[in-house]
């Protein structure tokens, strides 16, 4: 596979979707063919599961939650990511398997080694060439996330916003622990300043890590 895979991670309110869209635009302006994806989603199965997974009014056991995320990820990996990389495209994905490690492992308390084996089954040989971890204070992130979903009338329904600060603190520590363990793949990007400032930091990381 000759393309490059860039995943963007972080807790609620870190600005992942905004950064993914702007980073994709900047990479295209640089001459790259870029596929932008989101997880869960980006396939018919993934989008159906996204609706279920986002809906906090539907109770899910932690392991059920993890299985559903892995199912959506497998569909995206085999139907979208693998073919794009094989054609030499760059892929920017809003969340990937690190989110399940952080949320269902550190946040929900599932065994991290078990989750890593599940990632391998779901993704096979597909590993991000670069992961950009957008790091934000959980209180700030949660406030930002709720301001968005409040405008959409969805605040009371969002599964992970309902969990509150203590949960997001555990998830954030999970992300930072993964970053410390894999410094060659993961670059921590502090979320300070406006979105464009964060995007510039991400582009600098792309140039440094991927040589472009």
C-alpha atoms as a PDB file:
ATOM      1  CA  UNK A   1       0.000   0.000   0.000  1.00  0.00           C
ATOM      2  CA  UNK A   2       1.602   3.219  -1.187  1.00  0.00           C
ATOM      3  CA  UNK A   3      -0.765   5.805   0.296  1.00  0.00           C
ATOM      4  CA  UNK A   4      -0.580   7.359   3.754  1.00  0.00           C
ATOM      5  CA  UNK A   5      -3.076   7.042   6.605  1.00  0.00           C
ATOM      6  CA  UNK A   6      -3.456   9.900   9.076  1.00  0.00           C
ATOM      7  CA  UNK A   7      -5.796   9.462  12.043  1.00  0.00           C
ATOM      8  CA  UNK A   8      -7.017  12.326  14.206  1.00  0.00           C
ATOM      9  CA  UNK A   9      -7.849  11.541  17.818  1.00  0.00           C
ATOM     10  CA  UNK A  10      -8.989  13.297  20.973  1.00  0.00           C
ATOM     11  CA  UNK A  11     -11.819  13.613  23.445  1.00  0.00           C
ATOM     12  CA  UNK A  12     -15.149  15.367  22.878  1.00  0.00           C
ATOM     13  CA  UNK A  13     -14.781  19.007  21.894  1.00  0.00           C
ATOM     14  CA  UNK A  14     -11.157  18.789  20.738  1.00  0.00           C
ATOM     15  CA  UNK A  15     -12.097  19.904  17.221  1.00  0.00           C
ATOM     16  CA  UNK A  16     -11.285  16.697  15.370  1.00  0.00           C
ATOM     17  CA  UNK A  17     -13.893  17.118  12.617  1.00  0.00           C
ATOM     18  CA  UNK A  18     -12.876  20.707  11.905  1.00  0.00           C
ATOM     19  CA  UNK A  19      -9.179  19.825  11.824  1.00  0.00           C
ATOM     20  CA  UNK A  20      -9.806  16.770   9.627  1.00  0.00           C
ATOM     21  CA  UNK A  21     -11.678  18.858   7.061  1.00  0.00           C
ATOM     22  CA  UNK A  22      -9.120  21.665   6.987  1.00  0.00           C
ATOM     23  CA  UNK A  23      -6.139  19.318   6.944  1.00  0.00           C
ATOM     24  CA  UNK A  24      -7.714  17.446   4.036  1.00  0.00           C
ATOM     25  CA  UNK A  25      -8.142  20.712   2.128  1.00  0.00           C
ATOM     26  CA  UNK A  26      -4.544  21.759   2.755  1.00  0.00           C
ATOM     27  CA  UNK A  27      -3.177  18.387   1.658  1.00  0.00           C
ATOM     28  CA  UNK A  28      -5.246  18.549  -1.527  1.00  0.00           C
ATOM     29  CA  UNK A  29      -3.883  22.023  -2.193  1.00  0.00           C
ATOM     30  CA  UNK A  30      -0.413  20.477  -1.920  1.00  0.00           C
ATOM     31  CA  UNK A  31      -1.278  18.099  -4.738  1.00  0.00           C
ATOM     32  CA  UNK A  32      -2.288  14.970  -2.850  1.00  0.00           C
ATOM     33  CA  UNK A  33      -5.340  12.867  -3.622  1.00  0.00           C
ATOM     34  CA  UNK A  34      -7.017  12.658  -0.196  1.00  0.00           C
ATOM     35  CA  UNK A  35      -9.963  10.631   1.087  1.00  0.00           C
ATOM     36  CA  UNK A  36     -11.603  12.032   4.236  1.00  0.00           C
ATOM     37  CA  UNK A  37     -13.443   9.547   6.462  1.00  0.00           C
ATOM     38  CA  UNK A  38     -15.054   9.469   9.895  1.00  0.00           C
ATOM     39  CA  UNK A  39     -15.474   6.751  12.468  1.00  0.00           C
ATOM     40  CA  UNK A  40     -17.874   5.240  13.103  1.00  0.00           C
ATOM     41  CA  UNK A  41     -19.269   5.851   9.644  1.00  0.00           C
ATOM     42  CA  UNK A  42     -18.161   6.263   6.044  1.00  0.00           C
ATOM     43  CA  UNK A  43     -19.919   3.051   4.917  1.00  0.00           C
ATOM     44  CA  UNK A  44     -23.616   2.081   4.941  1.00  0.00           C
ATOM     45  CA  UNK A  45     -23.016  -0.276   7.879  1.00  0.00           C
ATOM     46  CA  UNK A  46     -20.833   2.251   9.670  1.00  0.00           C
ATOM     47  CA  UNK A  47     -23.364   5.061   9.379  1.00  0.00           C
ATOM     48  CA  UNK A  48     -26.145   2.806  10.674  1.00  0.00           C
ATOM     49  CA  UNK A  49     -24.004   1.804  13.642  1.00  0.00           C
ATOM     50  CA  UNK A  50     -23.036   5.440  14.226  1.00  0.00           C
ATOM     51  CA  UNK A  51     -26.668   6.345  14.829  1.00  0.00           C
ATOM     52  CA  UNK A  52     -26.937   3.571  17.404  1.00  0.00           C
ATOM     53  CA  UNK A  53     -23.611   4.318  19.087  1.00  0.00           C
ATOM     54  CA  UNK A  54     -24.253   8.059  19.389  1.00  0.00           C
ATOM     55  CA  UNK A  55     -27.697   7.568  20.939  1.00  0.00           C
ATOM     56  CA  UNK A  56     -27.255   7.599  24.702  1.00  0.00           C
ATOM     57  CA  UNK A  57     -30.883   6.700  25.288  1.00  0.00           C
ATOM     58  CA  UNK A  58     -30.055   3.133  24.159  1.00  0.00           C
ATOM     59  CA  UNK A  59     -28.219   1.164  26.816  1.00  0.00           C
ATOM     60  CA  UNK A  60     -25.146  -0.783  25.698  1.00  0.00           C
ATOM     61  CA  UNK A  61     -22.825  -2.969  27.755  1.00  0.00           C
ATOM     62  CA  UNK A  62     -19.169  -1.851  27.407  1.00  0.00           C
ATOM     63  CA  UNK A  63     -18.167  -4.965  25.457  1.00  0.00           C
ATOM     64  CA  UNK A  64     -21.167  -4.630  23.151  1.00  0.00           C
ATOM     65  CA  UNK A  65     -20.124  -1.024  22.540  1.00  0.00           C
ATOM     66  CA  UNK A  66     -16.577  -2.132  21.687  1.00  0.00           C
ATOM     67  CA  UNK A  67     -17.781  -4.855  19.314  1.00  0.00           C
ATOM     68  CA  UNK A  68     -20.001  -2.380  17.452  1.00  0.00           C
ATOM     69  CA  UNK A  69     -17.145   0.091  17.029  1.00  0.00           C
ATOM     70  CA  UNK A  70     -14.888  -2.693  15.735  1.00  0.00           C
ATOM     71  CA  UNK A  71     -17.584  -3.854  13.298  1.00  0.00           C
ATOM     72  CA  UNK A  72     -17.926  -0.336  11.872  1.00  0.00           C
ATOM     73  CA  UNK A  73     -14.127  -0.041  11.736  1.00  0.00           C
ATOM     74  CA  UNK A  74     -13.736  -3.331   9.869  1.00  0.00           C
ATOM     75  CA  UNK A  75     -16.224  -2.229   7.207  1.00  0.00           C
ATOM     76  CA  UNK A  76     -14.403   1.076   6.748  1.00  0.00           C
ATOM     77  CA  UNK A  77     -10.978  -0.583   6.712  1.00  0.00           C
ATOM     78  CA  UNK A  78     -11.749  -3.149   4.033  1.00  0.00           C
ATOM     79  CA  UNK A  79     -14.139  -1.105   1.867  1.00  0.00           C
ATOM     80  CA  UNK A  80     -12.641   2.376   2.006  1.00  0.00           C
ATOM     81  CA  UNK A  81      -9.190   2.616   3.586  1.00  0.00           C
ATOM     82  CA  UNK A  82      -7.419  -0.400   2.072  1.00  0.00           C
ATOM     83  CA  UNK A  83      -8.480   0.325  -1.544  1.00  0.00           C
ATOM     84  CA  UNK A  84      -7.577   4.007  -1.205  1.00  0.00           C
ATOM     85  CA  UNK A  85      -4.111   3.272   0.172  1.00  0.00           C
ATOM     86  CA  UNK A  86      -3.526   0.681  -2.539  1.00  0.00           C
ATOM     87  CA  UNK A  87      -4.267   3.351  -5.154  1.00  0.00           C
ATOM     88  CA  UNK A  88      -1.745   5.721  -3.555  1.00  0.00           C
ATOM     89  CA  UNK A  89      -4.291   8.012  -1.951  1.00  0.00           C
ATOM     90  CA  UNK A  90      -3.793   9.686   1.385  1.00  0.00           C
ATOM     91  CA  UNK A  91      -6.545   8.994   3.920  1.00  0.00           C
ATOM     92  CA  UNK A  92      -7.505  11.320   6.775  1.00  0.00           C
ATOM     93  CA  UNK A  93      -9.809   9.659   9.291  1.00  0.00           C
ATOM     94  CA  UNK A  94     -11.616  11.356  12.164  1.00  0.00           C
ATOM     95  CA  UNK A  95     -10.988   8.723  14.896  1.00  0.00           C
ATOM     96  CA  UNK A  96      -9.582   5.218  14.508  1.00  0.00           C
ATOM     97  CA  UNK A  97      -8.723   2.325  16.825  1.00  0.00           C
ATOM     98  CA  UNK A  98      -6.961   4.457  19.470  1.00  0.00           C
ATOM     99  CA  UNK A  99     -10.382   5.855  20.353  1.00  0.00           C
ATOM    100  CA  UNK A 100     -11.652   2.404  21.298  1.00  0.00           C
ATOM    101  CA  UNK A 101      -8.551   1.760  23.404  1.00  0.00           C
ATOM    102  CA  UNK A 102      -9.035   5.076  25.215  1.00  0.00           C
ATOM    103  CA  UNK A 103     -12.824   5.130  25.532  1.00  0.00           C
ATOM    104  CA  UNK A 104     -13.708   1.479  26.057  1.00  0.00           C
ATOM    105  CA  UNK A 105     -10.387   0.554  27.696  1.00  0.00           C
ATOM    106  CA  UNK A 106      -9.438   3.455  29.926  1.00  0.00           C
ATOM    107  CA  UNK A 107     -12.915   4.963  30.078  1.00  0.00           C
ATOM    108  CA  UNK A 108     -15.093   1.843  30.438  1.00  0.00           C
ATOM    109  CA  UNK A 109     -12.508  -0.418  32.062  1.00  0.00           C
ATOM    110  CA  UNK A 110     -12.261  -3.154  29.419  1.00  0.00           C
ATOM    111  CA  UNK A 111      -9.002  -5.065  29.077  1.00  0.00           C
ATOM    112  CA  UNK A 112      -6.686  -3.072  26.820  1.00  0.00           C
ATOM    113  CA  UNK A 113      -4.791  -6.112  25.521  1.00  0.00           C
ATOM    114  CA  UNK A 114      -8.080  -7.710  24.481  1.00  0.00           C
ATOM    115  CA  UNK A 115      -9.047  -4.513  22.652  1.00  0.00           C
ATOM    116  CA  UNK A 116      -5.712  -4.447  20.839  1.00  0.00           C
ATOM    117  CA  UNK A 117      -6.341  -7.984  19.595  1.00  0.00           C
ATOM    118  CA  UNK A 118      -9.767  -6.847  18.388  1.00  0.00           C
ATOM    119  CA  UNK A 119      -8.160  -3.943  16.534  1.00  0.00           C
ATOM    120  CA  UNK A 120      -5.867  -6.389  14.752  1.00  0.00           C
ATOM    121  CA  UNK A 121      -8.809  -8.555  13.717  1.00  0.00           C
ATOM    122  CA  UNK A 122     -10.743  -5.518  12.487  1.00  0.00           C
ATOM    123  CA  UNK A 123      -7.916  -3.719  10.671  1.00  0.00           C
ATOM    124  CA  UNK A 124      -5.411  -6.386   9.715  1.00  0.00           C
ATOM    125  CA  UNK A 125      -2.223  -4.732   8.502  1.00  0.00           C
ATOM    126  CA  UNK A 126      -3.704  -1.229   8.454  1.00  0.00           C
ATOM    127  CA  UNK A 127      -1.924   1.021  10.962  1.00  0.00           C
ATOM    128  CA  UNK A 128      -1.874   4.843  10.801  1.00  0.00           C
ATOM    129  CA  UNK A 129       1.354   6.285   9.424  1.00  0.00           C
ATOM    130  CA  UNK A 130       0.695   9.271  11.677  1.00  0.00           C
ATOM    131  CA  UNK A 131      -1.783   9.937  14.474  1.00  0.00           C
ATOM    132  CA  UNK A 132      -2.496  13.511  15.527  1.00  0.00           C
ATOM    133  CA  UNK A 133      -3.789  13.587  19.110  1.00  0.00           C
ATOM    134  CA  UNK A 134      -5.642  16.835  19.760  1.00  0.00           C
ATOM    135  CA  UNK A 135      -5.223  17.375  23.496  1.00  0.00           C
ATOM    136  CA  UNK A 136      -7.710  19.581  25.337  1.00  0.00           C
ATOM    137  CA  UNK A 137      -8.746  20.014  28.953  1.00  0.00           C
ATOM    138  CA  UNK A 138     -11.801  17.787  29.512  1.00  0.00           C
ATOM    139  CA  UNK A 139     -13.866  20.577  31.068  1.00  0.00           C
ATOM    140  CA  UNK A 140     -13.212  22.863  28.121  1.00  0.00           C
ATOM    141  CA  UNK A 141     -13.799  20.093  25.600  1.00  0.00           C
ATOM    142  CA  UNK A 142     -17.056  18.995  27.169  1.00  0.00           C
ATOM    143  CA  UNK A 143     -18.354  22.564  27.238  1.00  0.00           C
ATOM    144  CA  UNK A 144     -17.451  23.012  23.575  1.00  0.00           C
ATOM    145  CA  UNK A 145     -19.036  19.707  22.581  1.00  0.00           C
ATOM    146  CA  UNK A 146     -22.239  20.422  24.465  1.00  0.00           C
ATOM    147  CA  UNK A 147     -22.551  23.848  22.881  1.00  0.00           C
ATOM    148  CA  UNK A 148     -22.564  22.157  19.466  1.00  0.00           C
ATOM    149  CA  UNK A 149     -25.006  19.373  20.280  1.00  0.00           C
ATOM    150  CA  UNK A 150     -27.213  21.804  22.200  1.00  0.00           C
ATOM    151  CA  UNK A 151     -27.652  23.752  18.984  1.00  0.00           C
ATOM    152  CA  UNK A 152     -28.637  20.512  17.256  1.00  0.00           C
ATOM    153  CA  UNK A 153     -31.044  19.531  20.017  1.00  0.00           C
ATOM    154  CA  UNK A 154     -28.985  16.404  20.748  1.00  0.00           C
ATOM    155  CA  UNK A 155     -27.210  17.176  24.049  1.00  0.00           C
ATOM    156  CA  UNK A 156     -29.461  14.935  26.138  1.00  0.00           C
ATOM    157  CA  UNK A 157     -28.915  12.011  23.767  1.00  0.00           C
ATOM    158  CA  UNK A 158     -25.153  11.995  23.108  1.00  0.00           C
ATOM    159  CA  UNK A 159     -23.714   8.849  24.686  1.00  0.00           C
ATOM    160  CA  UNK A 160     -20.301  10.129  25.691  1.00  0.00           C
ATOM    161  CA  UNK A 161     -21.255  13.666  26.635  1.00  0.00           C
ATOM    162  CA  UNK A 162     -23.579  12.110  29.224  1.00  0.00           C
ATOM    163  CA  UNK A 163     -20.615  10.456  30.956  1.00  0.00           C
ATOM    164  CA  UNK A 164     -19.253  13.741  32.268  1.00  0.00           C
ATOM    165  CA  UNK A 165     -15.836  15.052  33.332  1.00  0.00           C
ATOM    166  CA  UNK A 166     -14.524  12.064  35.311  1.00  0.00           C
ATOM    167  CA  UNK A 167     -15.042   9.745  32.352  1.00  0.00           C
ATOM    168  CA  UNK A 168     -13.368  12.131  29.884  1.00  0.00           C
ATOM    169  CA  UNK A 169     -10.423  12.574  32.244  1.00  0.00           C
ATOM    170  CA  UNK A 170      -9.838   8.821  32.146  1.00  0.00           C
ATOM    171  CA  UNK A 171     -10.175   8.803  28.365  1.00  0.00           C
ATOM    172  CA  UNK A 172      -7.726  11.682  28.005  1.00  0.00           C
ATOM    173  CA  UNK A 173      -5.192   9.891  30.202  1.00  0.00           C
ATOM    174  CA  UNK A 174      -5.691   6.832  28.041  1.00  0.00           C
ATOM    175  CA  UNK A 175      -4.872   8.776  24.900  1.00  0.00           C
ATOM    176  CA  UNK A 176      -1.789  10.318  26.512  1.00  0.00           C
ATOM    177  CA  UNK A 177      -0.633   6.903  27.715  1.00  0.00           C
ATOM    178  CA  UNK A 178      -0.932   5.513  24.184  1.00  0.00           C
ATOM    179  CA  UNK A 179       1.025   8.521  22.884  1.00  0.00           C
ATOM    180  CA  UNK A 180       3.813   7.954  25.388  1.00  0.00           C
ATOM    181  CA  UNK A 181       4.025   4.306  24.324  1.00  0.00           C
ATOM    182  CA  UNK A 182       4.106   5.095  20.586  1.00  0.00           C
ATOM    183  CA  UNK A 183       5.971   8.393  20.121  1.00  0.00           C
ATOM    184  CA  UNK A 184       7.049   7.533  16.576  1.00  0.00           C
ATOM    185  CA  UNK A 185       3.433   7.314  15.415  1.00  0.00           C
ATOM    186  CA  UNK A 186       1.554   9.733  17.651  1.00  0.00           C
ATOM    187  CA  UNK A 187       2.100  13.486  17.893  1.00  0.00           C
ATOM    188  CA  UNK A 188       0.304  15.335  20.681  1.00  0.00           C
ATOM    189  CA  UNK A 189      -1.118  18.651  19.461  1.00  0.00           C
ATOM    190  CA  UNK A 190      -2.204  21.018  22.278  1.00  0.00           C
ATOM    191  CA  UNK A 191      -5.514  22.648  21.393  1.00  0.00           C
ATOM    192  CA  UNK A 192      -4.683  26.298  21.967  1.00  0.00           C
ATOM    193  CA  UNK A 193      -5.638  29.267  19.851  1.00  0.00           C
ATOM    194  CA  UNK A 194      -7.982  29.070  16.893  1.00  0.00           C
ATOM    195  CA  UNK A 195      -8.591  26.131  14.570  1.00  0.00           C
ATOM    196  CA  UNK A 196      -6.149  27.401  11.948  1.00  0.00           C
ATOM    197  CA  UNK A 197      -3.341  27.499  14.517  1.00  0.00           C
ATOM    198  CA  UNK A 198      -4.053  23.865  15.389  1.00  0.00           C
ATOM    199  CA  UNK A 199      -4.124  22.933  11.694  1.00  0.00           C
ATOM    200  CA  UNK A 200      -0.732  24.565  11.157  1.00  0.00           C
ATOM    201  CA  UNK A 201       0.690  22.484  14.017  1.00  0.00           C
ATOM    202  CA  UNK A 202      -0.779  19.383  12.392  1.00  0.00           C
ATOM    203  CA  UNK A 203       0.729  20.254   9.008  1.00  0.00           C
ATOM    204  CA  UNK A 204       4.108  20.754  10.642  1.00  0.00           C
ATOM    205  CA  UNK A 205       3.811  17.282  12.174  1.00  0.00           C
ATOM    206  CA  UNK A 206       2.892  15.822   8.761  1.00  0.00           C
ATOM    207  CA  UNK A 207       5.985  17.369   7.190  1.00  0.00           C
ATOM    208  CA  UNK A 208       8.245  16.186  10.001  1.00  0.00           C
ATOM    209  CA  UNK A 209       6.887  12.636  10.236  1.00  0.00           C
ATOM    210  CA  UNK A 210       5.960  11.867   6.626  1.00  0.00           C
ATOM    211  CA  UNK A 211       8.530  14.014   4.855  1.00  0.00           C
ATOM    212  CA  UNK A 212       6.011  15.967   2.797  1.00  0.00           C
END
